[in-house]
C-alpha atoms as a PDB file:
ATOM      1  CA  GLN A   1     -26.801 -39.737  27.670  1.00  0.00           C
ATOM      2  CA  LYS A   2     -24.911 -43.173  28.144  1.00  0.00           C
ATOM      3  CA  LEU A   3     -22.270 -43.806  25.306  1.00  0.00           C
ATOM      4  CA  THR A   4     -21.725 -47.390  24.150  1.00  0.00           C
ATOM      5  CA  PHE A   5     -17.648 -49.316  24.370  1.00  0.00           C
ATOM      6  CA  GLU A   6     -16.619 -48.320  21.273  1.00  0.00           C
ATOM      7  CA  GLU A   7     -17.860 -44.028  21.535  1.00  0.00           C
ATOM      8  CA  TYR A   8     -16.363 -44.438  24.902  1.00  0.00           C
ATOM      9  CA  SER A   9     -13.425 -45.610  23.621  1.00  0.00           C
ATOM     10  CA  THR A  10     -12.445 -43.453  20.805  1.00  0.00           C
ATOM     11  CA  LEU A  11     -14.055 -40.168  23.797  1.00  0.00           C
ATOM     12  CA  LEU A  12     -10.715 -41.802  25.908  1.00  0.00           C
ATOM     13  CA  THR A  13      -8.330 -42.495  23.265  1.00  0.00           C
ATOM     14  CA  GLN A  14      -8.448 -38.592  22.120  1.00  0.00           C
ATOM     15  CA  LEU A  15      -8.700 -37.225  25.609  1.00  0.00           C
ATOM     16  CA  GLU A  16      -5.531 -38.948  25.987  1.00  0.00           C
ATOM     17  CA  ALA A  17      -4.014 -37.979  22.304  1.00  0.00           C
ATOM     18  CA  CYS A  18      -4.939 -34.399  23.720  1.00  0.00           C
ATOM     19  CA  LEU A  19      -3.211 -34.460  27.272  1.00  0.00           C
ATOM     20  CA  ASN A  20      -0.076 -36.248  25.884  1.00  0.00           C
ATOM     21  CA  SER A  21       0.419 -33.604  22.762  1.00  0.00           C
ATOM     22  CA  ARG A  22       0.283 -30.475  25.526  1.00  0.00           C
ATOM     23  CA  PRO A  23       3.781 -28.817  26.096  1.00  0.00           C
ATOM     24  CA  LEU A  24       5.722 -29.634  29.191  1.00  0.00           C
ATOM     25  CA  CYS A  25       7.599 -26.124  29.325  1.00  0.00           C
ATOM     26  CA  ALA A  26       7.312 -22.482  27.560  1.00  0.00           C
ATOM     27  CA  ILE A  27       7.559 -23.117  23.633  1.00  0.00           C
ATOM     28  CA  SER A  28      10.777 -21.852  22.253  1.00  0.00           C
ATOM     29  CA  GLU A  29      10.929 -18.371  20.956  1.00  0.00           C
ATOM     30  CA  VAL A  30      13.917 -19.781  18.091  1.00  0.00           C
ATOM     31  CA  PRO A  31      12.165 -19.972  14.780  1.00  0.00           C
ATOM     32  CA  ASP A  32      13.815 -23.281  13.856  1.00  0.00           C
ATOM     33  CA  ASP A  33      13.044 -24.975  16.756  1.00  0.00           C
ATOM     34  CA  ILE A  34       9.398 -25.786  16.071  1.00  0.00           C
ATOM     35  CA  ASP A  35       9.277 -28.921  18.511  1.00  0.00           C
ATOM     36  CA  TYR A  36       8.104 -28.557  21.573  1.00  0.00           C
ATOM     37  CA  LEU A  37       8.236 -31.368  24.422  1.00  0.00           C
ATOM     38  CA  THR A  38       5.549 -33.113  25.452  1.00  0.00           C
ATOM     39  CA  PRO A  39       4.641 -36.253  27.047  1.00  0.00           C
ATOM     40  CA  SER A  40       3.738 -38.050  24.105  1.00  0.00           C
ATOM     41  CA  HIS A  41       7.914 -37.717  23.163  1.00  0.00           C
ATOM     42  CA  PHE A  42       8.326 -40.082  26.254  1.00  0.00           C
ATOM     43  CA  LEU A  43       5.711 -41.962  25.155  1.00  0.00           C
ATOM     44  CA  ASN A  44       6.230 -42.511  21.354  1.00  0.00           C
ATOM     45  CA  SER A  45       9.766 -41.137  21.197  1.00  0.00           C
ATOM     46  CA  GLY A  46       7.951 -38.405  19.230  1.00  0.00           C
ATOM     47  CA  PRO A  47       4.786 -36.233  18.865  1.00  0.00           C
ATOM     48  CA  ILE A  48       1.714 -38.039  18.285  1.00  0.00           C
ATOM     49  CA  LEU A  49       0.840 -37.112  14.612  1.00  0.00           C
ATOM     50  CA  THR A  50       4.049 -38.140  12.853  1.00  0.00           C
ATOM     51  CA  ILE A  51       4.721 -39.996   9.598  1.00  0.00           C
ATOM     52  CA  LEU A  52       6.507 -43.220   9.770  1.00  0.00           C
ATOM     53  CA  ASP A  53       9.422 -43.544   6.829  1.00  0.00           C
ATOM     54  CA  THR A  54       8.787 -47.532   5.795  1.00  0.00           C
ATOM     55  CA  GLU A  55      12.038 -46.900   3.680  1.00  0.00           C
ATOM     56  CA  GLU A  56      14.514 -47.595   6.313  1.00  0.00           C
ATOM     57  CA  ASP A  57      16.071 -50.578   7.501  1.00  0.00           C
ATOM     58  CA  GLU A  58      15.605 -51.861  11.061  1.00  0.00           C
ATOM     59  CA  ARG A  59      18.695 -50.905  12.041  1.00  0.00           C
ATOM     60  CA  THR A  60      19.001 -47.663  11.138  1.00  0.00           C
ATOM     61  CA  ARG A  61      15.854 -46.914  12.121  1.00  0.00           C
ATOM     62  CA  TRP A  62      16.212 -48.143  15.430  1.00  0.00           C
ATOM     63  CA  HIS A  63      19.583 -46.339  15.455  1.00  0.00           C
ATOM     64  CA  ARG A  64      17.670 -43.218  14.846  1.00  0.00           C
ATOM     65  CA  LEU A  65      15.285 -43.762  17.710  1.00  0.00           C
ATOM     66  CA  GLN A  66      18.086 -44.011  20.026  1.00  0.00           C
ATOM     67  CA  LYS A  67      19.513 -40.929  19.053  1.00  0.00           C
ATOM     68  CA  ILE A  68      15.732 -39.383  19.154  1.00  0.00           C
ATOM     69  CA  ASN A  69      15.333 -40.870  22.343  1.00  0.00           C
ATOM     70  CA  GLN A  70      18.641 -39.318  23.498  1.00  0.00           C
ATOM     71  CA  ASP A  71      17.702 -35.976  22.565  1.00  0.00           C
ATOM     72  CA  ILE A  72      14.422 -36.273  23.952  1.00  0.00           C
ATOM     73  CA  TRP A  73      16.053 -36.682  27.641  1.00  0.00           C
ATOM     74  CA  LYS A  74      18.544 -33.955  27.536  1.00  0.00           C
ATOM     75  CA  ARG A  75      15.910 -31.248  26.506  1.00  0.00           C
ATOM     76  CA  TRP A  76      13.733 -33.162  29.348  1.00  0.00           C
ATOM     77  CA  GLN A  77      16.609 -32.286  31.961  1.00  0.00           C
ATOM     78  CA  SER A  78      17.518 -29.150  30.599  1.00  0.00           C
ATOM     79  CA  GLU A  79      14.007 -27.243  29.858  1.00  0.00           C
ATOM     80  CA  TYR A  80      11.246 -29.182  32.144  1.00  0.00           C
ATOM     81  CA  LEU A  81      13.651 -29.995  35.039  1.00  0.00           C
ATOM     82  CA  ALA A  82      15.301 -26.447  35.148  1.00  0.00           C
ATOM     83  CA  LYS A  83      11.432 -24.774  35.204  1.00  0.00           C
ATOM     84  CA  LEU A  84      10.589 -27.109  38.189  1.00  0.00           C
ATOM     85  CA  SER A  85      13.194 -25.934  40.187  1.00  0.00           C
ATOM     86  CA  ALA A  86      13.100 -22.894  39.446  1.00  0.00           C
ATOM     87  CA  ARG A  87      12.170 -20.892  42.512  1.00  0.00           C
ATOM     88  CA  ASN A  88      11.817 -17.281  43.523  1.00  0.00           C
ATOM     89  CA  LYS A  89      14.270 -17.192  46.192  1.00  0.00           C
ATOM     90  CA  TRP A  90      17.010 -17.836  43.427  1.00  0.00           C
ATOM     91  CA  GLN A  91      15.900 -14.720  41.630  1.00  0.00           C
ATOM     92  CA  ARG A  92      16.866 -11.967  44.501  1.00  0.00           C
ATOM     93  CA  PRO A  93      19.936 -11.322  45.517  1.00  0.00           C
ATOM     94  CA  GLN A  94      22.299 -13.536  48.110  1.00  0.00           C
ATOM     95  CA  GLU A  95      25.323 -13.557  49.732  1.00  0.00           C
ATOM     96  CA  ASN A  96      28.017 -15.312  47.665  1.00  0.00           C
ATOM     97  CA  ILE A  97      28.907 -18.978  49.606  1.00  0.00           C
ATOM     98  CA  ARG A  98      31.316 -18.778  52.561  1.00  0.00           C
ATOM     99  CA  VAL A  99      34.027 -21.261  54.247  1.00  0.00           C
ATOM    100  CA  ASN A 100      31.811 -24.168  55.828  1.00  0.00           C
ATOM    101  CA  ASP A 101      28.862 -23.458  54.308  1.00  0.00           C
ATOM    102  CA  VAL A 102      26.521 -26.340  52.805  1.00  0.00           C
ATOM    103  CA  VAL A 103      26.232 -26.705  48.794  1.00  0.00           C
ATOM    104  CA  ILE A 104      24.959 -28.981  46.595  1.00  0.00           C
ATOM    105  CA  ILE A 105      27.433 -30.215  43.324  1.00  0.00           C
ATOM    106  CA  HIS A 106      26.088 -30.848  40.260  1.00  0.00           C
ATOM    107  CA  GLU A 107      27.861 -33.571  38.095  1.00  0.00           C
ATOM    108  CA  PRO A 108      25.927 -33.383  34.639  1.00  0.00           C
ATOM    109  CA  ASN A 109      27.832 -36.816  33.770  1.00  0.00           C
ATOM    110  CA  LEU A 110      26.029 -38.789  36.834  1.00  0.00           C
END
């Protein structure tokens, strides 16, 4: 079945919204944490289905968006990146670090 340009465009937009709404990591078990991290957070600074508050002035809205952006990146680093680096070898007992061992040091401020 052939689609018109408008039908094809609508279909792609709906698929894009669906894919960008999928959680990137497991949904939190904390009841107060109703929001989960999705690709849409990086593209739109929030979930796709959000109601915009038009009463704010532009500066207040900009500051709020900056705060949301920082929170998203912090969650991405702490949740999603941690899931990517989780490996079975780190869940087994291992020897302690000794002198002359090679190690990787992670500094959160860098």
